[in-house]
Amino acid sequence: MNNPHQIIFTAIEGIPVIKSGDDLARIIYSKCIDQHLQITDGDIFVLAQKIVSKAEGRLVDLRSVSPGRRARTIAKKTLKDPRLIELILQESKRVLRIRKGLIIVEHRNGFVCANAGIDHSNSIDGIDAEHFVLLLPENPDISAFRIREQLQRLFHINIGVLIIDSHGRAWRNGTVGTSIGISGLPGLVDLRGKSDLFGYKLKATLVGAADELAAGASLLMGQASESLPCILVKGFPYPLRESSLNELIRSKESDLFR
């Protein structure tokens, strides 16, 4: 039985280097069996974006990209590869900020991030690695849903799946694990109307529960050569339910910074 005052993060060990077409759910299931992990109702699997993107074939060879005029113009301002800029523009709704070495965009999935989440690191091994970049999953909510559905069939239980990426934050240094795809767990938890320690009724408290979980799992995953892209979470303190990333995306009308 889970301790109600304890959340346990466990890395799933032995996840291989993922290739396009790999069955992530089947791999995760197999490694849980190998690790003798008991998966129970209410558990959550947190997956690094990179393994989902690789399995979905989102690896792009920059040598195959032809940058347009706008990409070449922005590349001169940012001093970035114009082929990379072309991909960033294709993956974005709009460009929000540009400076040397940095481009901030609104991704077509709604969140704001640097470089549309496109990354060189840990994308591919070999002498040609510098030519390849990895795009985010095309629709991370759908990716999370599909993986969750398959894991639930394999384990015969109700679980949640969270796909995360490392994002920077306005006003803060450092990247933090952030939710980009959600299935089967709340993005937000509404505590309005609940009483605090002294009986005061909360009026504005919305907890970004999925992002809090993402940050904790990211800490265990690491950012370099740890090779721990999947984390099992036990003891999530809120009931599981259907959700999507849209819960966490602030509308433009209420966004004071954009």
C-alpha atoms as a PDB file:
ATOM      1  CA  MET A   1       0.000   0.000   0.000  1.00  0.00           C
ATOM      2  CA  ASN A   2       1.291   3.458  -0.900  1.00  0.00           C
ATOM      3  CA  ASN A   3       2.141   5.881   1.883  1.00  0.00           C
ATOM      4  CA  PRO A   4      -0.250   8.870   1.394  1.00  0.00           C
ATOM      5  CA  HIS A   5       2.577  11.247   2.369  1.00  0.00           C
ATOM      6  CA  GLN A   6       5.195   9.834   0.049  1.00  0.00           C
ATOM      7  CA  ILE A   7       5.883  10.123  -3.676  1.00  0.00           C
ATOM      8  CA  ILE A   8       8.368   7.619  -5.114  1.00  0.00           C
ATOM      9  CA  PHE A   9      10.270   8.209  -8.363  1.00  0.00           C
ATOM     10  CA  THR A  10      11.929   5.107  -9.836  1.00  0.00           C
ATOM     11  CA  ALA A  11      14.001   5.116 -13.014  1.00  0.00           C
ATOM     12  CA  ILE A  12      13.217   2.328 -15.479  1.00  0.00           C
ATOM     13  CA  GLU A  13      16.640   0.908 -16.213  1.00  0.00           C
ATOM     14  CA  GLY A  14      17.948  -0.607 -19.413  1.00  0.00           C
ATOM     15  CA  ILE A  15      15.928   1.415 -21.930  1.00  0.00           C
ATOM     16  CA  PRO A  16      17.901   0.939 -25.173  1.00  0.00           C
ATOM     17  CA  VAL A  17      18.745   3.616 -27.712  1.00  0.00           C
ATOM     18  CA  ILE A  18      15.389   4.160 -29.370  1.00  0.00           C
ATOM     19  CA  LYS A  19      15.002   4.037 -33.147  1.00  0.00           C
ATOM     20  CA  SER A  20      12.191   5.025 -35.466  1.00  0.00           C
ATOM     21  CA  GLY A  21       9.342   2.519 -35.274  1.00  0.00           C
ATOM     22  CA  ASP A  22      10.278   1.084 -31.878  1.00  0.00           C
ATOM     23  CA  ASP A  23       7.345   0.035 -29.667  1.00  0.00           C
ATOM     24  CA  LEU A  24       7.917   2.199 -26.584  1.00  0.00           C
ATOM     25  CA  ALA A  25       5.108   0.723 -24.522  1.00  0.00           C
ATOM     26  CA  ARG A  26       6.330  -2.833 -25.123  1.00  0.00           C
ATOM     27  CA  ILE A  27       9.919  -1.824 -24.262  1.00  0.00           C
ATOM     28  CA  ILE A  28       8.816  -0.094 -21.037  1.00  0.00           C
ATOM     29  CA  TYR A  29       6.681  -3.090 -20.081  1.00  0.00           C
ATOM     30  CA  SER A  30       9.558  -5.500 -20.679  1.00  0.00           C
ATOM     31  CA  LYS A  31      12.023  -3.428 -18.635  1.00  0.00           C
ATOM     32  CA  CYS A  32       9.552  -3.160 -15.736  1.00  0.00           C
ATOM     33  CA  ILE A  33       9.289  -6.954 -15.718  1.00  0.00           C
ATOM     34  CA  ASP A  34      13.081  -7.290 -15.836  1.00  0.00           C
ATOM     35  CA  GLN A  35      13.371  -4.857 -12.919  1.00  0.00           C
ATOM     36  CA  HIS A  36      10.676  -6.714 -10.919  1.00  0.00           C
ATOM     37  CA  LEU A  37       8.636  -3.529 -10.551  1.00  0.00           C
ATOM     38  CA  GLN A  38       5.072  -3.898  -9.351  1.00  0.00           C
ATOM     39  CA  ILE A  39       2.843  -1.558 -11.342  1.00  0.00           C
ATOM     40  CA  THR A  40      -0.428  -0.681  -9.601  1.00  0.00           C
ATOM     41  CA  ASP A  41      -3.532   1.426 -10.224  1.00  0.00           C
ATOM     42  CA  GLY A  42      -2.760   5.139 -10.118  1.00  0.00           C
ATOM     43  CA  ASP A  43       0.903   4.848 -11.097  1.00  0.00           C
ATOM     44  CA  ILE A  44       2.275   7.265 -13.676  1.00  0.00           C
ATOM     45  CA  PHE A  45       4.971   6.819 -16.317  1.00  0.00           C
ATOM     46  CA  VAL A  46       6.919   9.978 -17.170  1.00  0.00           C
ATOM     47  CA  LEU A  47       8.699   9.807 -20.527  1.00  0.00           C
ATOM     48  CA  ALA A  48      11.413  12.057 -21.883  1.00  0.00           C
ATOM     49  CA  GLN A  49      10.351  13.687 -25.132  1.00  0.00           C
ATOM     50  CA  LYS A  50      13.424  12.399 -26.943  1.00  0.00           C
ATOM     51  CA  ILE A  51      12.481   8.723 -26.841  1.00  0.00           C
ATOM     52  CA  VAL A  52       8.957   9.503 -28.033  1.00  0.00           C
ATOM     53  CA  SER A  53      10.253  11.675 -30.862  1.00  0.00           C
ATOM     54  CA  LYS A  54      12.788   9.055 -31.933  1.00  0.00           C
ATOM     55  CA  ALA A  55      10.191   6.281 -31.939  1.00  0.00           C
ATOM     56  CA  GLU A  56       7.922   8.489 -34.061  1.00  0.00           C
ATOM     57  CA  GLY A  57      10.672   9.179 -36.605  1.00  0.00           C
ATOM     58  CA  ARG A  58      11.067  12.881 -35.838  1.00  0.00           C
ATOM     59  CA  LEU A  59      14.805  12.900 -36.545  1.00  0.00           C
ATOM     60  CA  VAL A  60      15.693  15.300 -39.375  1.00  0.00           C
ATOM     61  CA  ASP A  61      18.881  15.548 -41.412  1.00  0.00           C
ATOM     62  CA  LEU A  62      19.674  19.249 -41.797  1.00  0.00           C
ATOM     63  CA  ARG A  63      21.282  18.487 -45.140  1.00  0.00           C
ATOM     64  CA  SER A  64      17.792  17.782 -46.482  1.00  0.00           C
ATOM     65  CA  VAL A  65      16.401  21.195 -45.434  1.00  0.00           C
ATOM     66  CA  SER A  66      16.236  24.177 -47.801  1.00  0.00           C
ATOM     67  CA  PRO A  67      15.864  27.437 -45.838  1.00  0.00           C
ATOM     68  CA  GLY A  68      13.517  30.110 -47.151  1.00  0.00           C
ATOM     69  CA  ARG A  69      14.059  33.860 -47.229  1.00  0.00           C
ATOM     70  CA  ARG A  70      12.593  34.478 -43.767  1.00  0.00           C
ATOM     71  CA  ALA A  71      14.727  31.732 -42.248  1.00  0.00           C
ATOM     72  CA  ARG A  72      17.880  33.198 -43.788  1.00  0.00           C
ATOM     73  CA  THR A  73      16.995  36.673 -42.470  1.00  0.00           C
ATOM     74  CA  ILE A  74      16.429  35.407 -38.916  1.00  0.00           C
ATOM     75  CA  ALA A  75      19.567  33.274 -39.122  1.00  0.00           C
ATOM     76  CA  LYS A  76      21.652  36.404 -39.709  1.00  0.00           C
ATOM     77  CA  LYS A  77      20.203  38.035 -36.587  1.00  0.00           C
ATOM     78  CA  THR A  78      20.561  34.974 -34.370  1.00  0.00           C
ATOM     79  CA  LEU A  79      23.776  33.589 -35.914  1.00  0.00           C
ATOM     80  CA  LYS A  80      22.093  30.198 -36.129  1.00  0.00           C
ATOM     81  CA  ASP A  81      22.076  27.697 -38.979  1.00  0.00           C
ATOM     82  CA  PRO A  82      19.393  28.880 -41.456  1.00  0.00           C
ATOM     83  CA  ARG A  83      18.327  25.267 -41.996  1.00  0.00           C
ATOM     84  CA  LEU A  84      17.599  24.968 -38.267  1.00  0.00           C
ATOM     85  CA  ILE A  85      15.687  28.252 -38.379  1.00  0.00           C
ATOM     86  CA  GLU A  86      13.587  26.897 -41.241  1.00  0.00           C
ATOM     87  CA  LEU A  87      12.584  23.904 -39.126  1.00  0.00           C
ATOM     88  CA  ILE A  88      11.835  26.155 -36.150  1.00  0.00           C
ATOM     89  CA  LEU A  89       9.516  28.263 -38.314  1.00  0.00           C
ATOM     90  CA  GLN A  90       7.768  25.154 -39.620  1.00  0.00           C
ATOM     91  CA  GLU A  91       7.170  23.946 -36.056  1.00  0.00           C
ATOM     92  CA  SER A  92       5.908  27.313 -34.740  1.00  0.00           C
ATOM     93  CA  LYS A  93       2.790  29.445 -34.839  1.00  0.00           C
ATOM     94  CA  ARG A  94       4.726  32.679 -34.397  1.00  0.00           C
ATOM     95  CA  VAL A  95       8.112  34.083 -33.449  1.00  0.00           C
ATOM     96  CA  LEU A  96       8.011  36.042 -30.182  1.00  0.00           C
ATOM     97  CA  ARG A  97      11.610  37.123 -29.494  1.00  0.00           C
ATOM     98  CA  ILE A  98      14.906  37.078 -31.391  1.00  0.00           C
ATOM     99  CA  ARG A  99      18.425  37.902 -30.304  1.00  0.00           C
ATOM    100  CA  LYS A 100      21.923  36.601 -30.948  1.00  0.00           C
ATOM    101  CA  GLY A 101      21.965  32.889 -30.180  1.00  0.00           C
ATOM    102  CA  LEU A 102      18.275  32.668 -29.265  1.00  0.00           C
ATOM    103  CA  ILE A 103      14.841  32.479 -30.837  1.00  0.00           C
ATOM    104  CA  ILE A 104      11.691  32.194 -28.687  1.00  0.00           C
ATOM    105  CA  VAL A 105       8.536  30.952 -30.395  1.00  0.00           C
ATOM    106  CA  GLU A 106       5.013  29.862 -29.735  1.00  0.00           C
ATOM    107  CA  HIS A 107       5.090  26.217 -30.719  1.00  0.00           C
ATOM    108  CA  ARG A 108       2.236  24.984 -32.866  1.00  0.00           C
ATOM    109  CA  ASN A 109       1.115  22.876 -29.884  1.00  0.00           C
ATOM    110  CA  GLY A 110       0.538  26.082 -27.900  1.00  0.00           C
ATOM    111  CA  PHE A 111       3.419  26.429 -25.466  1.00  0.00           C
ATOM    112  CA  VAL A 112       6.203  29.002 -25.601  1.00  0.00           C
ATOM    113  CA  CYS A 113       9.775  27.701 -25.786  1.00  0.00           C
ATOM    114  CA  ALA A 114      13.204  28.261 -27.312  1.00  0.00           C
ATOM    115  CA  ASN A 115      13.975  26.870 -30.775  1.00  0.00           C
ATOM    116  CA  ALA A 116      10.537  25.171 -31.002  1.00  0.00           C
ATOM    117  CA  GLY A 117      12.022  22.464 -28.763  1.00  0.00           C
ATOM    118  CA  ILE A 118      14.347  21.290 -31.545  1.00  0.00           C
ATOM    119  CA  ASP A 119      17.511  19.771 -30.137  1.00  0.00           C
ATOM    120  CA  HIS A 120      20.914  18.454 -31.211  1.00  0.00           C
ATOM    121  CA  SER A 121      21.889  16.760 -27.934  1.00  0.00           C
ATOM    122  CA  ASN A 122      21.446  12.994 -27.538  1.00  0.00           C
ATOM    123  CA  SER A 123      19.752  12.805 -30.935  1.00  0.00           C
ATOM    124  CA  ILE A 124      22.003  10.376 -32.808  1.00  0.00           C
ATOM    125  CA  ASP A 125      25.395   8.740 -32.411  1.00  0.00           C
ATOM    126  CA  GLY A 126      28.119   8.703 -35.009  1.00  0.00           C
ATOM    127  CA  ILE A 127      30.257  10.957 -37.160  1.00  0.00           C
ATOM    128  CA  ASP A 128      27.209  12.522 -38.841  1.00  0.00           C
ATOM    129  CA  ALA A 129      25.558  13.471 -35.529  1.00  0.00           C
ATOM    130  CA  GLU A 130      26.155  17.199 -36.068  1.00  0.00           C
ATOM    131  CA  HIS A 131      23.870  17.138 -39.103  1.00  0.00           C
ATOM    132  CA  PHE A 132      20.838  15.747 -37.271  1.00  0.00           C
ATOM    133  CA  VAL A 133      18.242  17.405 -35.056  1.00  0.00           C
ATOM    134  CA  LEU A 134      15.222  16.014 -33.236  1.00  0.00           C
ATOM    135  CA  LEU A 135      11.794  17.631 -33.439  1.00  0.00           C
ATOM    136  CA  LEU A 136       9.180  17.359 -30.709  1.00  0.00           C
ATOM    137  CA  PRO A 137       6.423  14.762 -31.202  1.00  0.00           C
ATOM    138  CA  GLU A 138       3.876  16.021 -33.710  1.00  0.00           C
ATOM    139  CA  ASN A 139       1.074  15.835 -31.113  1.00  0.00           C
ATOM    140  CA  PRO A 140       2.416  14.915 -27.652  1.00  0.00           C
ATOM    141  CA  ASP A 141      -1.073  14.501 -26.132  1.00  0.00           C
ATOM    142  CA  ILE A 142      -1.943  11.883 -28.742  1.00  0.00           C
ATOM    143  CA  SER A 143       1.457  10.232 -28.241  1.00  0.00           C
ATOM    144  CA  ALA A 144       0.854  10.044 -24.483  1.00  0.00           C
ATOM    145  CA  PHE A 145      -2.644   8.653 -25.024  1.00  0.00           C
ATOM    146  CA  ARG A 146      -1.464   5.901 -27.356  1.00  0.00           C
ATOM    147  CA  ILE A 147       1.371   4.818 -25.079  1.00  0.00           C
ATOM    148  CA  ARG A 148      -0.956   4.865 -22.074  1.00  0.00           C
ATOM    149  CA  GLU A 149      -3.603   2.781 -23.847  1.00  0.00           C
ATOM    150  CA  GLN A 150      -1.051   0.142 -24.747  1.00  0.00           C
ATOM    151  CA  LEU A 151       0.553   0.080 -21.292  1.00  0.00           C
ATOM    152  CA  GLN A 152      -2.865  -0.303 -19.685  1.00  0.00           C
ATOM    153  CA  ARG A 153      -3.588  -3.297 -21.910  1.00  0.00           C
ATOM    154  CA  LEU A 154      -0.245  -4.843 -21.013  1.00  0.00           C
ATOM    155  CA  PHE A 155      -0.484  -4.232 -17.261  1.00  0.00           C
ATOM    156  CA  HIS A 156      -4.303  -4.507 -16.962  1.00  0.00           C
ATOM    157  CA  ILE A 157      -4.505  -1.435 -14.719  1.00  0.00           C
ATOM    158  CA  ASN A 158      -5.336   2.283 -14.834  1.00  0.00           C
ATOM    159  CA  ILE A 159      -2.259   4.497 -15.168  1.00  0.00           C
ATOM    160  CA  GLY A 160      -1.253   7.944 -16.400  1.00  0.00           C
ATOM    161  CA  VAL A 161       1.404   8.923 -18.945  1.00  0.00           C
ATOM    162  CA  LEU A 162       3.263  12.218 -19.041  1.00  0.00           C
ATOM    163  CA  ILE A 163       5.672  13.331 -21.783  1.00  0.00           C
ATOM    164  CA  ILE A 164       8.115  16.032 -20.708  1.00  0.00           C
ATOM    165  CA  ASP A 165      10.798  18.292 -22.106  1.00  0.00           C
ATOM    166  CA  SER A 166      13.339  20.691 -20.578  1.00  0.00           C
ATOM    167  CA  HIS A 167      12.270  24.327 -20.908  1.00  0.00           C
ATOM    168  CA  GLY A 168      13.667  27.617 -19.714  1.00  0.00           C
ATOM    169  CA  ARG A 169      11.454  30.007 -17.730  1.00  0.00           C
ATOM    170  CA  ALA A 170      10.788  33.715 -17.827  1.00  0.00           C
ATOM    171  CA  TRP A 171      12.633  35.551 -15.031  1.00  0.00           C
ATOM    172  CA  ARG A 172      14.580  32.426 -13.950  1.00  0.00           C
ATOM    173  CA  ASN A 173      17.884  30.836 -14.957  1.00  0.00           C
ATOM    174  CA  GLY A 174      18.110  27.143 -15.681  1.00  0.00           C
ATOM    175  CA  THR A 175      15.913  24.622 -17.446  1.00  0.00           C
ATOM    176  CA  VAL A 176      13.177  22.637 -15.713  1.00  0.00           C
ATOM    177  CA  GLY A 177      11.229  19.547 -16.732  1.00  0.00           C
ATOM    178  CA  THR A 178       7.927  20.689 -18.221  1.00  0.00           C
ATOM    179  CA  SER A 179       4.864  18.801 -19.434  1.00  0.00           C
ATOM    180  CA  ILE A 180       4.245  18.764 -23.187  1.00  0.00           C
ATOM    181  CA  GLY A 181       1.919  15.742 -23.445  1.00  0.00           C
ATOM    182  CA  ILE A 182      -0.610  14.453 -20.916  1.00  0.00           C
ATOM    183  CA  SER A 183      -2.909  11.452 -20.754  1.00  0.00           C
ATOM    184  CA  GLY A 184      -4.776  10.105 -17.746  1.00  0.00           C
ATOM    185  CA  LEU A 185      -3.684  12.591 -15.086  1.00  0.00           C
ATOM    186  CA  PRO A 186      -4.632  16.184 -14.269  1.00  0.00           C
ATOM    187  CA  GLY A 187      -2.668  19.034 -15.766  1.00  0.00           C
ATOM    188  CA  LEU A 188      -4.171  21.451 -13.270  1.00  0.00           C
ATOM    189  CA  VAL A 189      -5.662  20.755  -9.861  1.00  0.00           C
ATOM    190  CA  ASP A 190      -8.246  23.334  -8.735  1.00  0.00           C
ATOM    191  CA  LEU A 191      -8.042  24.011  -4.997  1.00  0.00           C
ATOM    192  CA  ARG A 192     -10.367  27.015  -5.024  1.00  0.00           C
ATOM    193  CA  GLY A 193     -12.917  26.673  -2.250  1.00  0.00           C
ATOM    194  CA  LYS A 194     -10.687  24.371  -0.195  1.00  0.00           C
ATOM    195  CA  SER A 195      -9.704  25.485   3.304  1.00  0.00           C
ATOM    196  CA  ASP A 196      -6.106  26.187   4.292  1.00  0.00           C
ATOM    197  CA  LEU A 197      -4.508  25.315   7.636  1.00  0.00           C
ATOM    198  CA  PHE A 198      -6.398  28.111   9.374  1.00  0.00           C
ATOM    199  CA  GLY A 199      -9.748  27.633   7.687  1.00  0.00           C
ATOM    200  CA  TYR A 200      -9.310  30.353   5.052  1.00  0.00           C
ATOM    201  CA  LYS A 201     -11.103  29.513   1.805  1.00  0.00           C
ATOM    202  CA  LEU A 202      -8.670  29.492  -1.118  1.00  0.00           C
ATOM    203  CA  LYS A 203      -9.786  31.806  -3.907  1.00  0.00           C
ATOM    204  CA  ALA A 204      -7.181  31.555  -6.658  1.00  0.00           C
ATOM    205  CA  THR A 205      -5.097  28.421  -6.127  1.00  0.00           C
ATOM    206  CA  LEU A 206      -4.614  26.321  -9.250  1.00  0.00           C
ATOM    207  CA  VAL A 207      -1.808  23.772  -8.892  1.00  0.00           C
ATOM    208  CA  GLY A 208       0.195  22.888 -12.007  1.00  0.00           C
ATOM    209  CA  ALA A 209       0.384  19.292 -10.832  1.00  0.00           C
ATOM    210  CA  ALA A 210       1.642  17.822 -14.109  1.00  0.00           C
ATOM    211  CA  ASP A 211       4.490  20.330 -14.303  1.00  0.00           C
ATOM    212  CA  GLU A 212       5.429  19.679 -10.669  1.00  0.00           C
ATOM    213  CA  LEU A 213       5.599  15.982 -11.495  1.00  0.00           C
ATOM    214  CA  ALA A 214       7.595  16.713 -14.659  1.00  0.00           C
ATOM    215  CA  ALA A 215      10.185  18.695 -12.713  1.00  0.00           C
ATOM    216  CA  GLY A 216      10.673  15.921 -10.174  1.00  0.00           C
ATOM    217  CA  ALA A 217      11.021  13.230 -12.821  1.00  0.00           C
ATOM    218  CA  SER A 218      13.419  15.361 -14.872  1.00  0.00           C
ATOM    219  CA  LEU A 219      15.704  15.675 -11.869  1.00  0.00           C
ATOM    220  CA  LEU A 220      16.083  11.891 -11.828  1.00  0.00           C
ATOM    221  CA  MET A 221      16.331  11.565 -15.611  1.00  0.00           C
ATOM    222  CA  GLY A 222      19.258  13.989 -15.802  1.00  0.00           C
ATOM    223  CA  GLN A 223      20.298  16.018 -18.843  1.00  0.00           C
ATOM    224  CA  ALA A 224      23.493  14.385 -20.072  1.00  0.00           C
ATOM    225  CA  SER A 225      24.517  10.724 -20.331  1.00  0.00           C
ATOM    226  CA  GLU A 226      22.313   9.182 -17.618  1.00  0.00           C
ATOM    227  CA  SER A 227      20.194   7.157 -20.093  1.00  0.00           C
ATOM    228  CA  LEU A 228      17.143   7.165 -17.823  1.00  0.00           C
ATOM    229  CA  PRO A 229      14.380   8.456 -20.111  1.00  0.00           C
ATOM    230  CA  CYS A 230      11.454   6.800 -18.336  1.00  0.00           C
ATOM    231  CA  ILE A 231      10.430   7.288 -14.713  1.00  0.00           C
ATOM    232  CA  LEU A 232       7.787   5.388 -12.745  1.00  0.00           C
ATOM    233  CA  VAL A 233       5.943   7.544 -10.208  1.00  0.00           C
ATOM    234  CA  LYS A 234       4.017   6.102  -7.264  1.00  0.00           C
ATOM    235  CA  GLY A 235       2.020   8.144  -4.775  1.00  0.00           C
ATOM    236  CA  PHE A 236       0.796  10.999  -6.999  1.00  0.00           C
ATOM    237  CA  PRO A 237      -1.418  12.850  -4.494  1.00  0.00           C
ATOM    238  CA  TYR A 238      -4.363  13.645  -6.797  1.00  0.00           C
ATOM    239  CA  PRO A 239      -6.933  11.384  -8.491  1.00  0.00           C
ATOM    240  CA  LEU A 240      -6.172  10.391 -12.051  1.00  0.00           C
ATOM    241  CA  ARG A 241      -8.517  11.725 -14.729  1.00  0.00           C
ATOM    242  CA  GLU A 242      -8.596  12.571 -18.412  1.00  0.00           C
ATOM    243  CA  SER A 243      -6.717  15.730 -19.279  1.00  0.00           C
ATOM    244  CA  SER A 244      -4.651  17.458 -21.952  1.00  0.00           C
ATOM    245  CA  LEU A 245      -1.868  19.991 -22.253  1.00  0.00           C
ATOM    246  CA  ASN A 246      -4.431  22.736 -22.922  1.00  0.00           C
ATOM    247  CA  GLU A 247      -5.118  22.907 -19.187  1.00  0.00           C
ATOM    248  CA  LEU A 248      -1.645  24.323 -18.655  1.00  0.00           C
ATOM    249  CA  ILE A 249      -1.538  26.768 -21.564  1.00  0.00           C
ATOM    250  CA  ARG A 250      -2.401  30.305 -20.464  1.00  0.00           C
ATOM    251  CA  SER A 251      -4.689  32.100 -22.880  1.00  0.00           C
ATOM    252  CA  LYS A 252      -3.330  35.158 -24.683  1.00  0.00           C
ATOM    253  CA  GLU A 253      -6.020  37.282 -23.013  1.00  0.00           C
ATOM    254  CA  SER A 254      -4.636  36.455 -19.556  1.00  0.00           C
ATOM    255  CA  ASP A 255      -0.954  36.416 -20.523  1.00  0.00           C
ATOM    256  CA  LEU A 256       0.659  39.629 -19.288  1.00  0.00           C
ATOM    257  CA  PHE A 257       4.114  38.854 -20.695  1.00  0.00           C
ATOM    258  CA  ARG A 258       3.519  38.044 -24.350  1.00  0.00           C
END
